[in-house]
Protein backbone atom coordinates (compact mmCIF):
# COMPACT_ATOMS: atom_id res chain seq x y z
CA MET A 1 -3.38 161.89 171.68
CA VAL A 2 -1.33 161.37 168.85
CA LYS A 3 -1.53 157.92 169.62
CA ILE A 4 -5.03 157.53 170.11
CA HIS A 5 -5.63 159.30 166.47
CA ASP A 6 -3.00 156.71 165.17
CA LYS A 7 -5.28 153.89 166.42
CA ILE A 8 -8.51 155.27 165.65
CA SER A 9 -7.57 156.23 161.78
CA GLY A 10 -3.58 154.92 160.95
CA THR A 11 -0.56 156.67 160.91
CA PHE A 12 -0.44 160.20 159.70
CA ARG A 13 1.12 160.96 156.33
CA SER A 14 3.99 163.37 157.26
CA SER A 15 4.86 164.83 160.74
CA ALA A 16 3.53 168.15 159.88
CA GLY A 17 0.42 166.55 159.81
CA ALA A 18 1.16 165.19 163.35
CA GLU A 19 2.13 168.38 164.49
CA SER A 20 -1.40 170.58 162.83
CA PHE A 21 -3.27 167.86 164.64
CA ALA A 22 -1.35 168.21 168.23
CA THR A 23 -2.10 172.21 167.97
CA ILE A 24 -5.35 171.86 167.06
CA ARG A 25 -6.19 169.27 169.67
CA SER A 26 -4.16 171.47 171.99
CA TYR A 27 -6.15 174.53 171.26
CA ILE A 28 -9.82 172.86 171.87
CA GLN A 29 -8.49 171.43 175.02
CA THR A 30 -7.46 174.68 176.55
CA ALA A 31 -10.60 176.11 175.94
CA ALA A 32 -12.44 173.03 177.20
CA ASN A 33 -10.29 173.71 180.49
CA HIS A 34 -11.41 177.09 180.70
CA ASN A 35 -15.03 175.98 180.32
CA LEU A 36 -15.58 177.27 177.00
CA ASN A 37 -18.04 175.59 174.39
CA ARG A 38 -15.54 174.10 171.97
CA LEU A 39 -17.68 174.55 168.72
CA ASP A 40 -18.02 177.97 169.71
CA VAL A 41 -14.53 178.52 170.17
CA LEU A 42 -13.88 176.93 166.97
CA ARG A 43 -16.74 179.14 165.05
CA GLN A 44 -14.56 182.38 166.52
CA LEU A 45 -11.32 181.12 165.35
CA PHE A 46 -12.79 180.89 162.07
CA THR A 47 -14.84 184.41 162.05
CA THR A 48 -13.68 187.07 164.41
CA GLY A 49 -9.94 185.54 165.41
CA PRO A 50 -8.42 183.22 168.10
CA TRP A 51 -9.50 182.73 171.44
CA LEU A 52 -6.67 183.26 173.97
CA PRO A 53 -6.67 182.13 177.40
CA PRO A 54 -6.02 184.98 180.24
CA ASN A 55 -2.45 185.72 180.82
CA HIS A 56 -2.29 184.82 184.60
CA ALA A 57 1.92 185.53 184.63
CA ALA A 58 1.29 189.19 183.69
CA GLY A 59 -0.27 189.93 187.17
CA THR A 60 2.65 188.81 189.23
């Protein structure tokens, strides 16, 4: 994903920027993998708090 951003927007100014991009992209992709609306998940993040995926390991 960093490579796609690199091709579209140019390089990141710092490694911290690249790490932030990867963190946000991962959060959005995880929500999408759980069939959640990406915009709704981001809205929830900034209003009531982050959405967290269910912990399937706890049941085993």
